[in-house]
Structure formats: structure tokens, C-alpha cells
Amino acid sequence: MGKSISHTGASMGYGWDEEKEAEVIYQEYLAGDNPKEITQEFKIIQTQNQRCKKNTMSFVLSPTIKDGQDLKDKQLTEITQRFVQEMKLQERQAIAFVHRDKSHLHIHLYVNRIGFDGKAYKDNFIGKRSQQAAEKVAQQMGLTTVREVQQERLNEIQSIRQEIKQVNEKVLTEMKPKDFDQYIKYMKQRNVEVIPSINKSKRLQGFRLEYKGQNLKGSEVHCSMSMARIAERIGFDKTASQKIVKDNRLELLGKTVGISPNIAATIAKRVIKMTVKKTIGLGMEI
């Protein structure tokens, strides 16, 4: 993560927080022994460029939890040095601290955006550029890259999505819920927590599904798991559905919530289909 900031002193104070077991692992063109002194040294150079307000750059370098457990101070310093080189920030005041207060070790790096020549470092797309620089450093040092972490998470989520979809299909096909309450109950029996998304107007907007530590919208799991698609397959009672269509409301987990006219219409169509199917099955004219 990288960005330009104006609150140098406050940010520096956070980075150099002894309660977080902060250790200085990198320091360039600075002599101060505390956040106040370092901030003052930054300001001396920053007075050369009064137009630049966000005159300090803040970066957070976060190895994976597994990599972080094995990294020594020497390697953390090397990570910081390589990152500074990739960003072409070598000839600037800079200081970096490592935080070990949590299981996820991370480095806070502060660099004076104003150079000794009074010119401001161009910070356009700095967030993206810092990500790319960190990716290169990880590759150079044989560390896990962001892309590898993202791919691992994607693979995990794909597996979970498939499992949720299978549970959903089993519930709708075999259990045949008669309303959303039953659907939520049957899904929970199979370890999938269905969480209604209700806005400030108390209108039901959809469902989120929690399973094995993941929390996904129904439509993120599969297009067949949007609220409308689920409603199409639930066997709502005729009388209840007529009230739902009339009021654009329904009972959900003991509370009355609003629904969109589209969802009400979906429920109505479902009941009509079921009625027609039942009538045809009885051999009656319609």
C-alpha cells in the first residue's frame, strides 16, 4: 500500500510506537532518535516546496504471515532497500519500522516526497506502482507474491462456491422449502448460514451466504443463487403469496420486510405455475 500524506508527525508517531514493538530497520539521511525529531528533519527539506501539501509518502509492506514468521531484521532491511530502489527513492530522507505486535508482521516506510533539490516526487498512480514494486521485490527474494496469494484465495473460493451451490440445489430439490424461512433453516442444517441483506428502509435486497469462513453474495456464488432465482423455486403458499404481491412485503425470521415489485411478481408467477400444474394433473379444464 502506498499514498502521499500531509500528517507526517501523527503518522510517524504511529509507525514508531514502542507499544507495537516497533523496530527501526532502515534509515537514510536522518539523525533523529524519535518521531518528533525525524518529523522536524523532514520539514526542513519540505520548506523548500510550499506548494506541495501532501509532502510525505507512506508505504506499508506486508509479507504473508508464513513468510513473515521466518524473516530476520537483515532480510526486512533488504526488502525495504530493494523496494526503495524499485520506486527510485534512494536519494531521499526515509525511515522504516517493523511492527511485530500482530501475527501478521508488516513494515511501515516513510519517505520525504520533497527531494534535496526542492522538487516533489511524482505520486500519480502511486498505489498501483508500489504494488508492482513490492511484487518485483517478492520475486527477487523468493517470497510469496500478491498474485500467488490471490490465486490461492481464488482457488479456495471456487471450491467453496461449488459446495454452497450443491447444498442449495439439494435443499431446493429435495427439501422443497415453502418460504424463505424454511430455505434458511434447511441451508443452516447443512452448515450454510444464509444472512438476509436488509437496507435502511427495511427492504430485503438479497442474501449473503457464510460457509467455511467465507461470506459471499448469492449472485457471487452462482447466477442461479440470486434472490430472484431462489424465489422462483420456492413453493410459496397461494394465500400467503397473494398477500405478498398485494403488500410487497413478507414475513422473514419473525419480522415483516419489504421486497421489490419484481420479487413479488416472481413469487406470483411461481404460484400460478404451481396452480396450473396441479390443475392439469387433476385433469381439470383451465
Protein backbone atom coordinates (compact mmCIF):
# COMPACT_ATOMS: atom_id res chain seq x y z
CA MET A 1 0.00 0.00 0.00
CA GLY A 2 1.33 3.45 -0.85
CA LYS A 3 -0.01 7.01 -0.67
CA SER A 4 1.03 10.62 -0.12
CA ILE A 5 0.04 12.16 3.23
CA SER A 6 0.13 15.55 4.94
CA HIS A 7 0.01 14.42 8.59
CA THR A 8 3.68 13.44 8.82
CA GLY A 9 4.08 13.76 12.58
CA ALA A 10 0.99 11.76 13.54
CA SER A 11 1.74 9.02 11.05
CA MET A 12 5.38 8.84 12.09
CA GLY A 13 4.31 8.61 15.72
CA TYR A 14 2.10 5.63 14.86
CA GLY A 15 4.91 3.93 12.95
CA TRP A 16 7.40 4.42 15.77
CA ASP A 17 5.10 3.14 18.51
CA GLU A 18 7.03 1.23 21.12
CA GLU A 19 3.84 -0.44 22.35
CA LYS A 20 3.63 -2.12 18.97
CA GLU A 21 7.23 -3.33 19.45
CA ALA A 22 8.35 -1.11 16.56
CA GLU A 23 11.97 -1.51 15.46
CA VAL A 24 13.83 0.83 13.09
CA ILE A 25 15.16 -1.31 10.24
CA TYR A 26 16.04 1.35 7.66
CA GLN A 27 17.12 4.98 7.90
CA GLU A 28 18.52 7.36 5.25
CA TYR A 29 19.74 10.96 5.62
CA LEU A 30 18.29 11.25 9.13
CA ALA A 31 19.85 11.65 12.58
CA GLY A 32 16.84 11.93 14.90
CA ASP A 33 16.10 9.47 17.69
CA ASN A 34 12.34 9.89 17.96
CA PRO A 35 9.28 10.70 15.79
CA LYS A 36 9.34 14.41 16.68
CA GLU A 37 12.96 14.85 15.64
CA ILE A 38 12.52 12.86 12.42
CA THR A 39 9.41 14.87 11.52
CA GLN A 40 11.34 18.11 12.07
CA GLU A 41 14.13 16.91 9.78
CA PHE A 42 11.56 16.11 7.10
CA LYS A 43 10.07 19.61 7.49
CA ILE A 44 13.42 21.34 6.99
CA ILE A 45 13.58 19.89 3.48
CA GLN A 46 9.85 20.34 2.89
CA THR A 47 10.08 24.12 3.46
CA GLN A 48 11.76 24.31 0.03
CA ASN A 49 8.42 23.44 -1.61
CA GLN A 50 5.48 25.27 -0.07
CA ARG A 51 3.07 24.29 -2.86
CA CYS A 52 3.15 20.57 -2.07
CA LYS A 53 0.81 19.87 0.85
CA LYS A 54 0.92 16.06 0.89
CA ASN A 55 4.67 16.09 1.23
CA THR A 56 5.38 12.70 2.85
CA MET A 57 4.90 9.28 1.30
CA SER A 58 3.69 6.40 3.42
CA PHE A 59 4.09 2.76 2.41
CA VAL A 60 3.11 -0.49 4.13
CA LEU A 61 4.96 -3.64 3.07
CA SER A 62 3.25 -6.83 4.23
CA PRO A 63 4.84 -10.24 3.67
CA THR A 64 2.48 -13.18 4.06
CA ILE A 65 2.02 -14.47 7.62
CA LYS A 66 4.06 -17.58 6.80
CA ASP A 67 6.92 -15.63 5.18
CA GLY A 68 6.89 -13.05 7.98
CA GLN A 69 7.48 -15.70 10.63
CA ASP A 70 10.85 -16.59 9.07
CA LEU A 71 12.16 -13.12 8.15
CA LYS A 72 15.00 -11.66 10.23
CA ASP A 73 15.83 -7.96 10.58
CA LYS A 74 18.55 -8.21 7.93
CA GLN A 75 16.08 -9.56 5.39
CA LEU A 76 13.47 -6.97 6.34
CA THR A 77 16.04 -4.25 5.75
CA GLU A 78 16.85 -5.78 2.37
CA ILE A 79 13.15 -5.86 1.44
CA THR A 80 12.89 -2.16 2.26
CA GLN A 81 16.08 -1.25 0.37
CA ARG A 82 15.01 -3.14 -2.72
CA PHE A 83 11.56 -1.53 -2.60
CA VAL A 84 13.09 1.95 -2.30
CA GLN A 85 15.29 1.20 -5.33
CA GLU A 86 12.36 -0.07 -7.40
CA MET A 87 10.45 3.13 -6.60
CA LYS A 88 13.57 5.24 -7.35
CA LEU A 89 13.51 6.87 -3.92
CA GLN A 90 17.13 6.26 -2.90
CA GLU A 91 18.23 9.91 -2.65
CA ARG A 92 15.59 10.99 -0.15
CA GLN A 93 15.11 11.08 3.59
CA ALA A 94 13.46 7.86 4.66
CA ILE A 95 12.81 5.73 7.70
CA ALA A 96 11.16 2.32 8.14
CA PHE A 97 9.86 0.41 11.14
CA VAL A 98 8.76 -3.17 11.51
CA HIS A 99 5.70 -3.98 13.61
CA ARG A 100 5.58 -7.37 15.28
CA ASP A 101 2.58 -6.70 17.55
CA LYS A 102 0.35 -8.98 15.48
CA SER A 103 0.86 -12.34 13.83
CA HIS A 104 1.00 -10.52 10.51
CA LEU A 105 4.38 -8.77 10.53
CA HIS A 106 4.49 -5.59 8.43
CA ILE A 107 6.82 -2.70 7.61
CA HIS A 108 5.91 1.00 7.75
CA LEU A 109 8.09 3.10 5.45
CA TYR A 110 8.02 6.91 5.36
CA VAL A 111 9.82 8.83 2.63
CA ASN A 112 10.13 12.58 2.22
CA ARG A 113 8.31 13.41 -1.00
CA ILE A 114 10.38 16.59 -1.32
CA GLY A 115 13.92 15.96 -2.54
CA PHE A 116 17.03 17.88 -1.58
CA ASP A 117 16.50 19.91 -4.78
CA GLY A 118 13.07 21.05 -3.56
CA LYS A 119 11.19 19.07 -6.19
CA ALA A 120 8.23 16.86 -5.29
CA TYR A 121 8.27 13.19 -6.28
CA LYS A 122 5.50 12.48 -8.81
CA ASP A 123 2.92 10.39 -6.97
CA ASN A 124 0.49 9.65 -9.80
CA PHE A 125 -0.73 6.03 -9.56
CA ILE A 126 1.50 5.60 -6.51
CA GLY A 127 -0.73 2.88 -5.06
CA LYS A 128 -0.51 0.73 -8.20
CA ARG A 129 3.19 1.45 -8.69
CA SER A 130 4.01 0.49 -5.10
CA GLN A 131 2.13 -2.81 -5.56
CA GLN A 132 4.14 -3.57 -8.70
CA ALA A 133 7.41 -2.69 -6.94
CA ALA A 134 6.53 -4.94 -3.99
CA GLU A 135 5.69 -7.76 -6.41
CA LYS A 136 9.15 -7.47 -8.01
CA VAL A 137 10.88 -7.46 -4.63
CA ALA A 138 8.97 -10.58 -3.56
CA GLN A 139 10.02 -12.36 -6.77
CA GLN A 140 13.66 -11.27 -6.34
CA MET A 141 13.77 -12.62 -2.79
CA GLY A 142 11.78 -15.79 -3.35
CA LEU A 143 8.84 -14.64 -1.24
CA THR A 144 5.16 -15.29 -1.86
CA THR A 145 3.75 -12.66 -4.21
CA VAL A 146 0.37 -10.94 -4.06
CA ARG A 147 -0.69 -12.71 -7.26
CA GLU A 148 0.11 -16.09 -5.75
CA VAL A 149 -1.92 -15.24 -2.63
CA GLN A 150 -4.81 -14.00 -4.80
CA GLN A 151 -4.74 -17.17 -6.90
CA GLU A 152 -4.69 -19.34 -3.79
CA ARG A 153 -7.70 -17.48 -2.39
CA LEU A 154 -9.47 -17.71 -5.75
CA ASN A 155 -8.96 -21.48 -5.84
CA GLU A 156 -10.25 -21.78 -2.27
CA ILE A 157 -13.30 -19.63 -3.01
CA GLN A 158 -14.09 -21.54 -6.21
CA SER A 159 -14.20 -24.78 -4.22
CA ILE A 160 -16.41 -23.21 -1.55
CA ARG A 161 -18.72 -21.69 -4.17
CA GLN A 162 -19.22 -25.11 -5.70
CA GLU A 163 -20.00 -26.68 -2.32
CA ILE A 164 -22.55 -23.95 -1.50
CA LYS A 165 -24.18 -24.36 -4.90
CA GLN A 166 -24.50 -28.12 -4.34
CA VAL A 167 -26.11 -27.56 -0.92
CA ASN A 168 -28.50 -25.01 -2.43
CA GLU A 169 -29.55 -27.43 -5.17
CA LYS A 170 -30.07 -30.24 -2.70
CA VAL A 171 -32.22 -28.07 -0.42
CA LEU A 172 -34.42 -26.75 -3.23
CA THR A 173 -34.78 -30.12 -4.99
CA GLU A 174 -35.15 -32.50 -2.05
CA MET A 175 -36.39 -30.40 0.86
CA LYS A 176 -38.73 -28.21 -1.23
CA PRO A 177 -38.99 -25.24 1.17
CA LYS A 178 -42.33 -23.39 1.26
CA ASP A 179 -40.90 -19.97 2.12
CA PHE A 180 -37.63 -18.16 2.75
CA ASP A 181 -37.68 -19.11 6.44
CA GLN A 182 -37.65 -22.80 5.59
CA TYR A 183 -34.97 -22.24 2.97
CA ILE A 184 -32.75 -20.51 5.55
CA LYS A 185 -33.42 -23.27 8.09
CA TYR A 186 -32.61 -26.12 5.68
CA MET A 187 -29.44 -24.42 4.47
CA LYS A 188 -28.28 -23.94 8.07
CA GLN A 189 -28.83 -27.64 8.75
CA ARG A 190 -26.19 -28.20 6.09
CA ASN A 191 -23.79 -25.65 7.65
CA VAL A 192 -24.51 -22.82 5.22
CA GLU A 193 -25.59 -19.65 7.05
CA VAL A 194 -27.99 -17.59 4.94
CA ILE A 195 -27.90 -13.94 6.01
CA PRO A 196 -30.65 -11.64 4.69
CA SER A 197 -29.40 -8.26 3.40
CA ILE A 198 -31.90 -5.66 4.57
CA ASN A 199 -31.39 -1.96 3.83
CA LYS A 200 -32.27 1.06 5.99
CA SER A 201 -35.76 1.11 4.50
CA LYS A 202 -36.25 -2.42 5.86
CA ARG A 203 -36.40 -3.86 2.36
CA LEU A 204 -34.95 -7.29 1.63
CA GLN A 205 -32.29 -6.85 -1.06
CA GLY A 206 -30.80 -10.30 -1.22
CA PHE A 207 -28.94 -13.00 0.67
CA ARG A 208 -25.35 -13.46 1.75
CA LEU A 209 -24.04 -16.94 2.42
CA GLU A 210 -21.47 -17.76 5.07
CA TYR A 211 -19.60 -21.03 4.79
CA LYS A 212 -16.16 -22.18 5.94
CA GLY A 213 -15.07 -18.65 6.82
CA GLN A 214 -16.20 -17.12 3.53
CA ASN A 215 -19.04 -14.62 3.21
CA LEU A 216 -20.41 -14.26 -0.32
CA LYS A 217 -23.43 -12.75 -2.01
CA GLY A 218 -25.73 -15.34 -3.54
CA SER A 219 -25.04 -14.00 -7.04
CA GLU A 220 -21.29 -14.29 -6.35
CA VAL A 221 -21.71 -17.99 -5.64
CA HIS A 222 -23.63 -18.62 -8.86
CA CYS A 223 -26.12 -16.79 -11.06
CA SER A 224 -28.75 -19.36 -10.04
CA MET A 225 -28.46 -18.22 -6.43
CA SER A 226 -29.69 -14.66 -6.71
CA MET A 227 -32.72 -13.97 -4.51
CA ALA A 228 -35.00 -13.86 -7.58
CA ARG A 229 -33.78 -17.25 -8.82
CA ILE A 230 -34.24 -18.80 -5.39
CA ALA A 231 -37.74 -17.30 -5.13
CA GLU A 232 -38.61 -18.91 -8.49
CA ARG A 233 -38.03 -22.35 -6.99
CA ILE A 234 -39.67 -21.99 -3.59
CA GLY A 235 -43.21 -23.37 -3.27
CA PHE A 236 -44.92 -20.39 -1.66
CA ASP A 237 -48.41 -20.93 -0.31
CA LYS A 238 -51.08 -19.41 -2.59
CA THR A 239 -52.79 -17.34 0.09
CA ALA A 240 -49.50 -16.07 1.51
CA SER A 241 -48.20 -15.21 -1.95
CA GLN A 242 -51.31 -13.18 -2.77
CA LYS A 243 -50.69 -11.09 0.34
CA ILE A 244 -47.01 -10.72 -0.57
CA VAL A 245 -47.92 -9.47 -4.06
CA LYS A 246 -50.54 -7.08 -2.71
CA ASP A 247 -48.33 -5.54 0.01
CA ASN A 248 -44.85 -6.03 -1.48
CA ARG A 249 -43.94 -7.39 1.94
CA LEU A 250 -43.32 -10.77 3.53
CA GLU A 251 -42.56 -12.36 6.88
CA LEU A 252 -38.91 -13.25 7.34
CA LEU A 253 -37.46 -14.67 10.55
CA GLY A 254 -40.25 -13.16 12.64
CA LYS A 255 -40.10 -9.71 11.05
CA THR A 256 -42.01 -8.02 8.24
CA VAL A 257 -39.71 -6.79 5.49
CA GLY A 258 -40.33 -5.08 2.19
CA ILE A 259 -39.49 -6.63 -1.16
CA SER A 260 -39.21 -5.18 -4.64
CA PRO A 261 -42.20 -5.45 -7.01
CA ASN A 262 -40.02 -7.69 -9.23
CA ILE A 263 -39.55 -10.24 -6.44
CA ALA A 264 -43.27 -10.08 -5.62
CA ALA A 265 -44.05 -10.73 -9.28
CA THR A 266 -41.61 -13.66 -9.32
CA ILE A 267 -43.37 -15.22 -6.34
CA ALA A 268 -46.77 -14.67 -8.00
CA LYS A 269 -45.62 -16.35 -11.21
CA ARG A 270 -44.30 -19.30 -9.25
CA VAL A 271 -47.67 -19.80 -7.54
CA ILE A 272 -49.53 -19.51 -10.83
CA LYS A 273 -47.30 -22.17 -12.40
CA MET A 274 -47.83 -24.48 -9.45
CA THR A 275 -51.59 -23.95 -9.60
CA VAL A 276 -51.71 -24.65 -13.34
CA LYS A 277 -49.56 -27.75 -12.94
CA LYS A 278 -51.75 -29.05 -10.12
CA THR A 279 -54.95 -28.38 -12.08
CA ILE A 280 -53.62 -30.14 -15.18
CA GLY A 281 -52.58 -33.05 -13.01
CA LEU A 282 -56.14 -33.39 -11.76
CA GLY A 283 -57.41 -33.49 -15.34
CA MET A 284 -59.48 -30.35 -14.95
CA GLU A 285 -60.10 -27.79 -17.62
CA ILE A 286 -58.49 -24.39 -17.05
